[in-house]
Amino acid sequence: MDKIDHFIEMEENYLAVDQAVNDLMHQLEAFQSQKEKVKKLIEYYGSQQWYDHQELDNMGLLPKTSTRAVLGQDYAYDTLNNLKECAIQMLEISTDILKIY
């Protein structure tokens, strides 16, 4: 690969990395505003209040206009598990970047 081809490759590499970093920063900023809601969901899922709400739902006492996703074991569990996987992946990526930087 000659110098010009290498330069072109590195410029394309830079532009791709720059775009990915900017996209990630915007996503992290958006997610940052959800931290309190994440905390509430973690504390709620599987709590006594969660079980009480399931019982109310089983008795037909919850509003019919509401969804029941938060009471579904699969939905909330999957969301929280995905959150955990994202957190692990962010730690791994951060560690890798810090090792090479």
PDB file of N, CA and C in Angstrom:
ATOM      1  N   MET A   1       0.854  -1.174   0.000  1.00  0.00           N
ATOM      2  CA  MET A   1       0.000   0.000   0.000  1.00  0.00           C
ATOM      3  C   MET A   1       0.902   1.239   0.000  1.00  0.00           C
ATOM      4  N   ASP A   2       0.644   2.111  -0.920  1.00  0.00           N
ATOM      5  CA  ASP A   2       1.481   3.310  -0.968  1.00  0.00           C
ATOM      6  C   ASP A   2       0.970   4.360   0.027  1.00  0.00           C
ATOM      7  N   LYS A   3       1.712   5.452   0.168  1.00  0.00           N
ATOM      8  CA  LYS A   3       1.409   6.469   1.172  1.00  0.00           C
ATOM      9  C   LYS A   3       0.053   7.126   0.959  1.00  0.00           C
ATOM     10  N   ILE A   4      -0.308   7.363  -0.278  1.00  0.00           N
ATOM     11  CA  ILE A   4      -1.590   8.022  -0.565  1.00  0.00           C
ATOM     12  C   ILE A   4      -2.749   7.093  -0.230  1.00  0.00           C
ATOM     13  N   ASP A   5      -2.644   5.829  -0.623  1.00  0.00           N
ATOM     14  CA  ASP A   5      -3.694   4.864  -0.284  1.00  0.00           C
ATOM     15  C   ASP A   5      -3.824   4.718   1.228  1.00  0.00           C
ATOM     16  N   HIS A   6      -2.686   4.705   1.908  1.00  0.00           N
ATOM     17  CA  HIS A   6      -2.706   4.590   3.362  1.00  0.00           C
ATOM     18  C   HIS A   6      -3.372   5.813   3.982  1.00  0.00           C
ATOM     19  N   PHE A   7      -3.058   7.000   3.472  1.00  0.00           N
ATOM     20  CA  PHE A   7      -3.692   8.221   3.959  1.00  0.00           C
ATOM     21  C   PHE A   7      -5.209   8.147   3.765  1.00  0.00           C
ATOM     22  N   ILE A   8      -5.647   7.749   2.585  1.00  0.00           N
ATOM     23  CA  ILE A   8      -7.080   7.649   2.286  1.00  0.00           C
ATOM     24  C   ILE A   8      -7.743   6.663   3.248  1.00  0.00           C
ATOM     25  N   GLU A   9      -7.110   5.538   3.485  1.00  0.00           N
ATOM     26  CA  GLU A   9      -7.642   4.539   4.416  1.00  0.00           C
ATOM     27  C   GLU A   9      -7.753   5.125   5.828  1.00  0.00           C
ATOM     28  N   MET A  10      -6.721   5.831   6.262  1.00  0.00           N
ATOM     29  CA  MET A  10      -6.732   6.404   7.609  1.00  0.00           C
ATOM     30  C   MET A  10      -7.770   7.527   7.740  1.00  0.00           C
ATOM     31  N   GLU A  11      -7.956   8.306   6.689  1.00  0.00           N
ATOM     32  CA  GLU A  11      -8.978   9.355   6.716  1.00  0.00           C
ATOM     33  C   GLU A  11     -10.369   8.734   6.835  1.00  0.00           C
ATOM     34  N   GLU A  12     -10.624   7.691   6.065  1.00  0.00           N
ATOM     35  CA  GLU A  12     -11.905   6.985   6.145  1.00  0.00           C
ATOM     36  C   GLU A  12     -12.087   6.362   7.530  1.00  0.00           C
ATOM     37  N   ASN A  13     -11.006   5.811   8.066  1.00  0.00           N
ATOM     38  CA  ASN A  13     -11.036   5.226   9.401  1.00  0.00           C
ATOM     39  C   ASN A  13     -11.389   6.299  10.437  1.00  0.00           C
ATOM     40  N   TYR A  14     -10.724   7.438  10.348  1.00  0.00           N
ATOM     41  CA  TYR A  14     -11.002   8.536  11.275  1.00  0.00           C
ATOM     42  C   TYR A  14     -12.461   8.966  11.191  1.00  0.00           C
ATOM     43  N   LEU A  15     -12.966   9.169   9.992  1.00  0.00           N
ATOM     44  CA  LEU A  15     -14.345   9.635   9.825  1.00  0.00           C
ATOM     45  C   LEU A  15     -15.348   8.640  10.418  1.00  0.00           C
ATOM     46  N   ALA A  16     -15.090   7.345  10.232  1.00  0.00           N
ATOM     47  CA  ALA A  16     -15.977   6.317  10.785  1.00  0.00           C
ATOM     48  C   ALA A  16     -15.930   6.328  12.318  1.00  0.00           C
ATOM     49  N   VAL A  17     -14.719   6.425  12.865  1.00  0.00           N
ATOM     50  CA  VAL A  17     -14.572   6.453  14.321  1.00  0.00           C
ATOM     51  C   VAL A  17     -15.209   7.717  14.890  1.00  0.00           C
ATOM     52  N   ASP A  18     -14.959   8.853  14.268  1.00  0.00           N
ATOM     53  CA  ASP A  18     -15.528  10.112  14.730  1.00  0.00           C
ATOM     54  C   ASP A  18     -17.049  10.048  14.753  1.00  0.00           C
ATOM     55  N   GLN A  19     -17.655   9.518  13.700  1.00  0.00           N
ATOM     56  CA  GLN A  19     -19.115   9.395  13.646  1.00  0.00           C
ATOM     57  C   GLN A  19     -19.622   8.456  14.736  1.00  0.00           C
ATOM     58  N   ALA A  20     -18.946   7.334  14.928  1.00  0.00           N
ATOM     59  CA  ALA A  20     -19.362   6.368  15.952  1.00  0.00           C
ATOM     60  C   ALA A  20     -19.261   6.977  17.347  1.00  0.00           C
ATOM     61  N   VAL A  21     -18.191   7.717  17.607  1.00  0.00           N
ATOM     62  CA  VAL A  21     -18.023   8.358  18.916  1.00  0.00           C
ATOM     63  C   VAL A  21     -19.119   9.398  19.141  1.00  0.00           C
ATOM     64  N   ASN A  22     -19.398  10.218  18.142  1.00  0.00           N
ATOM     65  CA  ASN A  22     -20.456  11.224  18.271  1.00  0.00           C
ATOM     66  C   ASN A  22     -21.820  10.575  18.492  1.00  0.00           C
ATOM     67  N   ASP A  23     -22.104   9.503  17.755  1.00  0.00           N
ATOM     68  CA  ASP A  23     -23.365   8.784  17.936  1.00  0.00           C
ATOM     69  C   ASP A  23     -23.465   8.220  19.354  1.00  0.00           C
ATOM     70  N   LEU A  24     -22.374   7.620  19.816  1.00  0.00           N
ATOM     71  CA  LEU A  24     -22.357   7.040  21.161  1.00  0.00           C
ATOM     72  C   LEU A  24     -22.557   8.120  22.218  1.00  0.00           C
ATOM     73  N   MET A  25     -21.909   9.248  22.056  1.00  0.00           N
ATOM     74  CA  MET A  25     -22.062  10.337  23.024  1.00  0.00           C
ATOM     75  C   MET A  25     -23.510  10.806  23.106  1.00  0.00           C
ATOM     76  N   HIS A  26     -24.176  10.912  21.962  1.00  0.00           N
ATOM     77  CA  HIS A  26     -25.588  11.323  21.953  1.00  0.00           C
ATOM     78  C   HIS A  26     -26.465  10.270  22.627  1.00  0.00           C
ATOM     79  N   GLN A  27     -26.200   9.007  22.350  1.00  0.00           N
ATOM     80  CA  GLN A  27     -26.974   7.935  22.979  1.00  0.00           C
ATOM     81  C   GLN A  27     -26.748   7.896  24.486  1.00  0.00           C
ATOM     82  N   LEU A  28     -25.511   8.067  24.913  1.00  0.00           N
ATOM     83  CA  LEU A  28     -25.218   8.073  26.348  1.00  0.00           C
ATOM     84  C   LEU A  28     -25.881   9.254  27.041  1.00  0.00           C
ATOM     85  N   GLU A  29     -25.879  10.412  26.397  1.00  0.00           N
ATOM     86  CA  GLU A  29     -26.560  11.580  26.962  1.00  0.00           C
ATOM     87  C   GLU A  29     -28.057  11.304  27.115  1.00  0.00           C
ATOM     88  N   ALA A  30     -28.649  10.693  26.103  1.00  0.00           N
ATOM     89  CA  ALA A  30     -30.083  10.368  26.168  1.00  0.00           C
ATOM     90  C   ALA A  30     -30.350   9.349  27.261  1.00  0.00           C
ATOM     91  N   PHE A  31     -29.489   8.368  27.380  1.00  0.00           N
ATOM     92  CA  PHE A  31     -29.696   7.323  28.390  1.00  0.00           C
ATOM     93  C   PHE A  31     -29.448   7.859  29.792  1.00  0.00           C
ATOM     94  N   GLN A  32     -28.529   8.789  29.926  1.00  0.00           N
ATOM     95  CA  GLN A  32     -28.217   9.383  31.225  1.00  0.00           C
ATOM     96  C   GLN A  32     -29.485   9.917  31.891  1.00  0.00           C
ATOM     97  N   SER A  33     -30.376  10.477  31.111  1.00  0.00           N
ATOM     98  CA  SER A  33     -31.611  11.033  31.658  1.00  0.00           C
ATOM     99  C   SER A  33     -32.568   9.949  32.149  1.00  0.00           C
ATOM    100  N   GLN A  34     -32.288   8.704  31.845  1.00  0.00           N
ATOM    101  CA  GLN A  34     -33.146   7.590  32.251  1.00  0.00           C
ATOM    102  C   GLN A  34     -32.650   6.869  33.502  1.00  0.00           C
ATOM    103  N   LYS A  35     -31.520   7.301  34.059  1.00  0.00           N
ATOM    104  CA  LYS A  35     -30.916   6.580  35.182  1.00  0.00           C
ATOM    105  C   LYS A  35     -31.849   6.429  36.376  1.00  0.00           C
ATOM    106  N   GLU A  36     -32.580   7.467  36.712  1.00  0.00           N
ATOM    107  CA  GLU A  36     -33.494   7.384  37.853  1.00  0.00           C
ATOM    108  C   GLU A  36     -34.611   6.380  37.567  1.00  0.00           C
ATOM    109  N   LYS A  37     -35.097   6.363  36.330  1.00  0.00           N
ATOM    110  CA  LYS A  37     -36.133   5.396  35.959  1.00  0.00           C
ATOM    111  C   LYS A  37     -35.583   3.974  35.991  1.00  0.00           C
ATOM    112  N   VAL A  38     -34.337   3.803  35.572  1.00  0.00           N
ATOM    113  CA  VAL A  38     -33.697   2.484  35.636  1.00  0.00           C
ATOM    114  C   VAL A  38     -33.631   2.020  37.085  1.00  0.00           C
ATOM    115  N   LYS A  39     -33.204   2.902  37.963  1.00  0.00           N
ATOM    116  CA  LYS A  39     -33.112   2.572  39.392  1.00  0.00           C
ATOM    117  C   LYS A  39     -34.471   2.155  39.940  1.00  0.00           C
ATOM    118  N   LYS A  40     -35.504   2.915  39.598  1.00  0.00           N
ATOM    119  CA  LYS A  40     -36.859   2.593  40.064  1.00  0.00           C
ATOM    120  C   LYS A  40     -37.313   1.224  39.546  1.00  0.00           C
ATOM    121  N   LEU A  41     -37.020   0.930  38.287  1.00  0.00           N
ATOM    122  CA  LEU A  41     -37.420  -0.358  37.722  1.00  0.00           C
ATOM    123  C   LEU A  41     -36.701  -1.507  38.405  1.00  0.00           C
ATOM    124  N   ILE A  42     -35.405  -1.343  38.639  1.00  0.00           N
ATOM    125  CA  ILE A  42     -34.630  -2.392  39.316  1.00  0.00           C
ATOM    126  C   ILE A  42     -35.184  -2.642  40.714  1.00  0.00           C
ATOM    127  N   GLU A  43     -35.488  -1.572  41.431  1.00  0.00           N
ATOM    128  CA  GLU A  43     -36.018  -1.711  42.792  1.00  0.00           C
ATOM    129  C   GLU A  43     -37.430  -2.285  42.800  1.00  0.00           C
ATOM    130  N   TYR A  44     -38.216  -1.998  41.781  1.00  0.00           N
ATOM    131  CA  TYR A  44     -39.610  -2.438  41.708  1.00  0.00           C
ATOM    132  C   TYR A  44     -39.742  -3.900  41.288  1.00  0.00           C
ATOM    133  N   TYR A  45     -38.973  -4.307  40.290  1.00  0.00           N
ATOM    134  CA  TYR A  45     -39.133  -5.656  39.726  1.00  0.00           C
ATOM    135  C   TYR A  45     -38.846  -6.712  40.797  1.00  0.00           C
ATOM    136  N   GLY A  46     -39.815  -7.552  41.073  1.00  0.00           N
ATOM    137  CA  GLY A  46     -39.683  -8.623  42.058  1.00  0.00           C
ATOM    138  C   GLY A  46     -39.917  -8.179  43.492  1.00  0.00           C
ATOM    139  N   SER A  47     -40.252  -6.895  43.691  1.00  0.00           N
ATOM    140  CA  SER A  47     -40.503  -6.396  45.046  1.00  0.00           C
ATOM    141  C   SER A  47     -41.904  -6.817  45.506  1.00  0.00           C
ATOM    142  N   GLN A  48     -42.192  -6.576  46.764  1.00  0.00           N
ATOM    143  CA  GLN A  48     -43.526  -6.875  47.276  1.00  0.00           C
ATOM    144  C   GLN A  48     -44.581  -6.062  46.546  1.00  0.00           C
ATOM    145  N   GLN A  49     -44.256  -4.814  46.242  1.00  0.00           N
ATOM    146  CA  GLN A  49     -45.198  -3.967  45.503  1.00  0.00           C
ATOM    147  C   GLN A  49     -45.487  -4.552  44.125  1.00  0.00           C
ATOM    148  N   TRP A  50     -44.460  -5.092  43.468  1.00  0.00           N
ATOM    149  CA  TRP A  50     -44.627  -5.729  42.164  1.00  0.00           C
ATOM    150  C   TRP A  50     -45.590  -6.915  42.284  1.00  0.00           C
ATOM    151  N   TYR A  51     -45.410  -7.744  43.334  1.00  0.00           N
ATOM    152  CA  TYR A  51     -46.306  -8.881  43.546  1.00  0.00           C
ATOM    153  C   TYR A  51     -47.725  -8.405  43.877  1.00  0.00           C
ATOM    154  N   ASP A  52     -47.829  -7.336  44.648  1.00  0.00           N
ATOM    155  CA  ASP A  52     -49.158  -6.776  44.955  1.00  0.00           C
ATOM    156  C   ASP A  52     -49.850  -6.308  43.676  1.00  0.00           C
ATOM    157  N   HIS A  53     -49.103  -5.674  42.791  1.00  0.00           N
ATOM    158  CA  HIS A  53     -49.681  -5.211  41.522  1.00  0.00           C
ATOM    159  C   HIS A  53     -50.101  -6.393  40.648  1.00  0.00           C
ATOM    160  N   GLN A  54     -49.334  -7.479  40.671  1.00  0.00           N
ATOM    161  CA  GLN A  54     -49.734  -8.676  39.924  1.00  0.00           C
ATOM    162  C   GLN A  54     -51.058  -9.217  40.451  1.00  0.00           C
ATOM    163  N   GLU A  55     -51.191  -9.210  41.762  1.00  0.00           N
ATOM    164  CA  GLU A  55     -52.433  -9.694  42.358  1.00  0.00           C
ATOM    165  C   GLU A  55     -53.616  -8.804  41.967  1.00  0.00           C
ATOM    166  N   LEU A  56     -53.401  -7.490  41.995  1.00  0.00           N
ATOM    167  CA  LEU A  56     -54.451  -6.569  41.558  1.00  0.00           C
ATOM    168  C   LEU A  56     -54.837  -6.833  40.104  1.00  0.00           C
ATOM    169  N   ASP A  57     -53.833  -7.106  39.285  1.00  0.00           N
ATOM    170  CA  ASP A  57     -54.097  -7.405  37.880  1.00  0.00           C
ATOM    171  C   ASP A  57     -54.898  -8.697  37.750  1.00  0.00           C
ATOM    172  N   ASN A  58     -54.529  -9.704  38.510  1.00  0.00           N
ATOM    173  CA  ASN A  58     -55.246 -10.981  38.464  1.00  0.00           C
ATOM    174  C   ASN A  58     -56.707 -10.824  38.904  1.00  0.00           C
ATOM    175  N   MET A  59     -56.968  -9.859  39.765  1.00  0.00           N
ATOM    176  CA  MET A  59     -58.334  -9.612  40.226  1.00  0.00           C
ATOM    177  C   MET A  59     -59.076  -8.655  39.289  1.00  0.00           C
ATOM    178  N   GLY A  60     -58.383  -8.177  38.238  1.00  0.00           N
ATOM    179  CA  GLY A  60     -59.020  -7.281  37.275  1.00  0.00           C
ATOM    180  C   GLY A  60     -59.199  -5.866  37.778  1.00  0.00           C
ATOM    181  N   LEU A  61     -58.379  -5.458  38.739  1.00  0.00           N
ATOM    182  CA  LEU A  61     -58.549  -4.143  39.349  1.00  0.00           C
ATOM    183  C   LEU A  61     -57.646  -3.059  38.761  1.00  0.00           C
ATOM    184  N   LEU A  62     -56.724  -3.416  37.917  1.00  0.00           N
ATOM    185  CA  LEU A  62     -55.876  -2.399  37.290  1.00  0.00           C
ATOM    186  C   LEU A  62     -56.610  -1.796  36.094  1.00  0.00           C
ATOM    187  N   PRO A  63     -56.328  -0.536  35.793  1.00  0.00           N
ATOM    188  CA  PRO A  63     -57.014   0.115  34.657  1.00  0.00           C
ATOM    189  C   PRO A  63     -56.819  -0.666  33.355  1.00  0.00           C
ATOM    190  N   LYS A  64     -57.882  -0.779  32.608  1.00  0.00           N
ATOM    191  CA  LYS A  64     -57.821  -1.520  31.336  1.00  0.00           C
ATOM    192  C   LYS A  64     -57.004  -0.787  30.286  1.00  0.00           C
ATOM    193  N   THR A  65     -56.785   0.506  30.479  1.00  0.00           N
ATOM    194  CA  THR A  65     -56.020   1.286  29.502  1.00  0.00           C
ATOM    195  C   THR A  65     -54.518   1.091  29.652  1.00  0.00           C
ATOM    196  N   SER A  66     -54.101   0.492  30.757  1.00  0.00           N
ATOM    197  CA  SER A  66     -52.668   0.313  31.004  1.00  0.00           C
ATOM    198  C   SER A  66     -52.168  -0.981  30.377  1.00  0.00           C
ATOM    199  N   THR A  67     -50.925  -0.943  29.935  1.00  0.00           N
ATOM    200  CA  THR A  67     -50.292  -2.193  29.514  1.00  0.00           C
ATOM    201  C   THR A  67     -49.872  -2.949  30.767  1.00  0.00           C
ATOM    202  N   ARG A  68     -49.450  -4.165  30.593  1.00  0.00           N
ATOM    203  CA  ARG A  68     -49.015  -4.992  31.733  1.00  0.00           C
ATOM    204  C   ARG A  68     -47.566  -5.443  31.564  1.00  0.00           C
ATOM    205  N   ALA A  69     -46.826  -4.781  30.700  1.00  0.00           N
ATOM    206  CA  ALA A  69     -45.464  -5.226  30.389  1.00  0.00           C
ATOM    207  C   ALA A  69     -44.589  -5.285  31.635  1.00  0.00           C
ATOM    208  N   VAL A  70     -44.710  -4.323  32.522  1.00  0.00           N
ATOM    209  CA  VAL A  70     -43.851  -4.292  33.711  1.00  0.00           C
ATOM    210  C   VAL A  70     -44.174  -5.446  34.664  1.00  0.00           C
ATOM    211  N   LEU A  71     -45.380  -5.995  34.564  1.00  0.00           N
ATOM    212  CA  LEU A  71     -45.742  -7.121  35.409  1.00  0.00           C
ATOM    213  C   LEU A  71     -45.366  -8.462  34.789  1.00  0.00           C
ATOM    214  N   GLY A  72     -45.111  -8.449  33.491  1.00  0.00           N
ATOM    215  CA  GLY A  72     -44.712  -9.680  32.827  1.00  0.00           C
ATOM    216  C   GLY A  72     -43.282 -10.039  33.188  1.00  0.00           C
ATOM    217  N   GLN A  73     -43.098 -11.228  33.679  1.00  0.00           N
ATOM    218  CA  GLN A  73     -41.755 -11.620  34.107  1.00  0.00           C
ATOM    219  C   GLN A  73     -40.763 -11.587  32.952  1.00  0.00           C
ATOM    220  N   ASP A  74     -41.184 -11.972  31.780  1.00  0.00           N
ATOM    221  CA  ASP A  74     -40.266 -12.004  30.646  1.00  0.00           C
ATOM    222  C   ASP A  74     -39.857 -10.614  30.185  1.00  0.00           C
ATOM    223  N   TYR A  75     -40.797  -9.702  30.077  1.00  0.00           N
ATOM    224  CA  TYR A  75     -40.490  -8.368  29.558  1.00  0.00           C
ATOM    225  C   TYR A  75     -39.509  -7.622  30.461  1.00  0.00           C
ATOM    226  N   ALA A  76     -39.871  -7.470  31.723  1.00  0.00           N
ATOM    227  CA  ALA A  76     -39.015  -6.723  32.651  1.00  0.00           C
ATOM    228  C   ALA A  76     -37.678  -7.429  32.841  1.00  0.00           C
ATOM    229  N   TYR A  77     -37.725  -8.741  32.983  1.00  0.00           N
ATOM    230  CA  TYR A  77     -36.479  -9.497  33.156  1.00  0.00           C
ATOM    231  C   TYR A  77     -35.562  -9.314  31.952  1.00  0.00           C
ATOM    232  N   ASP A  78     -36.122  -9.444  30.760  1.00  0.00           N
ATOM    233  CA  ASP A  78     -35.307  -9.290  29.543  1.00  0.00           C
ATOM    234  C   ASP A  78     -34.719  -7.891  29.444  1.00  0.00           C
ATOM    235  N   THR A  79     -35.519  -6.877  29.756  1.00  0.00           N
ATOM    236  CA  THR A  79     -35.020  -5.502  29.699  1.00  0.00           C
ATOM    237  C   THR A  79     -33.886  -5.292  30.695  1.00  0.00           C
ATOM    238  N   LEU A  80     -34.077  -5.758  31.926  1.00  0.00           N
ATOM    239  CA  LEU A  80     -33.026  -5.586  32.931  1.00  0.00           C
ATOM    240  C   LEU A  80     -31.793  -6.422  32.598  1.00  0.00           C
ATOM    241  N   ASN A  81     -31.988  -7.595  32.043  1.00  0.00           N
ATOM    242  CA  ASN A  81     -30.851  -8.420  31.638  1.00  0.00           C
ATOM    243  C   ASN A  81     -30.095  -7.761  30.483  1.00  0.00           C
ATOM    244  N   ASN A  82     -30.828  -7.189  29.529  1.00  0.00           N
ATOM    245  CA  ASN A  82     -30.176  -6.462  28.430  1.00  0.00           C
ATOM    246  C   ASN A  82     -29.400  -5.263  28.959  1.00  0.00           C
ATOM    247  N   LEU A  83     -29.958  -4.585  29.944  1.00  0.00           N
ATOM    248  CA  LEU A  83     -29.265  -3.453  30.567  1.00  0.00           C
ATOM    249  C   LEU A  83     -27.955  -3.914  31.198  1.00  0.00           C
ATOM    250  N   LYS A  84     -28.010  -5.027  31.896  1.00  0.00           N
ATOM    251  CA  LYS A  84     -26.803  -5.585  32.523  1.00  0.00           C
ATOM    252  C   LYS A  84     -25.767  -5.938  31.467  1.00  0.00           C
ATOM    253  N   GLU A  85     -26.205  -6.558  30.379  1.00  0.00           N
ATOM    254  CA  GLU A  85     -25.282  -6.914  29.300  1.00  0.00           C
ATOM    255  C   GLU A  85     -24.662  -5.669  28.665  1.00  0.00           C
ATOM    256  N   CYS A  86     -25.462  -4.616  28.501  1.00  0.00           N
ATOM    257  CA  CYS A  86     -24.935  -3.350  27.969  1.00  0.00           C
ATOM    258  C   CYS A  86     -23.876  -2.777  28.902  1.00  0.00           C
ATOM    259  N   ALA A  87     -24.152  -2.813  30.192  1.00  0.00           N
ATOM    260  CA  ALA A  87     -23.200  -2.276  31.166  1.00  0.00           C
ATOM    261  C   ALA A  87     -21.890  -3.051  31.122  1.00  0.00           C
ATOM    262  N   ILE A  88     -21.976  -4.367  31.024  1.00  0.00           N
ATOM    263  CA  ILE A  88     -20.766  -5.190  30.927  1.00  0.00           C
ATOM    264  C   ILE A  88     -20.011  -4.872  29.648  1.00  0.00           C
ATOM    265  N   GLN A  89     -20.735  -4.763  28.552  1.00  0.00           N
ATOM    266  CA  GLN A  89     -20.094  -4.459  27.270  1.00  0.00           C
ATOM    267  C   GLN A  89     -19.439  -3.079  27.300  1.00  0.00           C
ATOM    268  N   MET A  90     -20.089  -2.101  27.928  1.00  0.00           N
ATOM    269  CA  MET A  90     -19.487  -0.769  28.027  1.00  0.00           C
ATOM    270  C   MET A  90     -18.199  -0.817  28.849  1.00  0.00           C
ATOM    271  N   LEU A  91     -18.206  -1.595  29.922  1.00  0.00           N
ATOM    272  CA  LEU A  91     -16.987  -1.746  30.727  1.00  0.00           C
ATOM    273  C   LEU A  91     -15.868  -2.399  29.929  1.00  0.00           C
ATOM    274  N   GLU A  92     -16.211  -3.444  29.183  1.00  0.00           N
ATOM    275  CA  GLU A  92     -15.201  -4.146  28.385  1.00  0.00           C
ATOM    276  C   GLU A  92     -14.631  -3.236  27.299  1.00  0.00           C
ATOM    277  N   ILE A  93     -15.496  -2.507  26.615  1.00  0.00           N
ATOM    278  CA  ILE A  93     -15.038  -1.595  25.567  1.00  0.00           C
ATOM    279  C   ILE A  93     -14.171  -0.491  26.175  1.00  0.00           C
ATOM    280  N   SER A  94     -14.621   0.066  27.289  1.00  0.00           N
ATOM    281  CA  SER A  94     -13.850   1.120  27.954  1.00  0.00           C
ATOM    282  C   SER A  94     -12.486   0.625  28.375  1.00  0.00           C
ATOM    283  N   THR A  95     -12.434  -0.573  28.926  1.00  0.00           N
ATOM    284  CA  THR A  95     -11.160  -1.156  29.360  1.00  0.00           C
ATOM    285  C   THR A  95     -10.239  -1.345  28.170  1.00  0.00           C
ATOM    286  N   ASP A  96     -10.773  -1.876  27.073  1.00  0.00           N
ATOM    287  CA  ASP A  96      -9.955  -2.081  25.866  1.00  0.00           C
ATOM    288  C   ASP A  96      -9.404  -0.768  25.343  1.00  0.00           C
ATOM    289  N   ILE A  97     -10.247   0.252  25.304  1.00  0.00           N
ATOM    290  CA  ILE A  97      -9.807   1.559  24.795  1.00  0.00           C
ATOM    291  C   ILE A  97      -8.738   2.150  25.704  1.00  0.00           C
ATOM    292  N   LEU A  98      -8.947   2.066  27.001  1.00  0.00           N
ATOM    293  CA  LEU A  98      -7.965   2.625  27.942  1.00  0.00           C
ATOM    294  C   LEU A  98      -6.625   1.889  27.875  1.00  0.00           C
ATOM    295  N   LYS A  99      -6.668   0.605  27.574  1.00  0.00           N
ATOM    296  CA  LYS A  99      -5.431  -0.174  27.453  1.00  0.00           C
ATOM    297  C   LYS A  99      -4.609   0.251  26.243  1.00  0.00           C
ATOM    298  N   ILE A 100      -5.276   0.651  25.161  1.00  0.00           N
ATOM    299  CA  ILE A 100      -4.523   1.010  23.951  1.00  0.00           C
ATOM    300  C   ILE A 100      -4.287   2.504  23.831  1.00  0.00           C
ATOM    301  N   TYR A 101      -4.933   3.310  24.654  1.00  0.00           N
ATOM    302  CA  TYR A 101      -4.813   4.763  24.522  1.00  0.00           C
ATOM    303  C   TYR A 101      -3.605   5.279  25.248  1.00  0.00           C
TER     304      TYR A 101
END
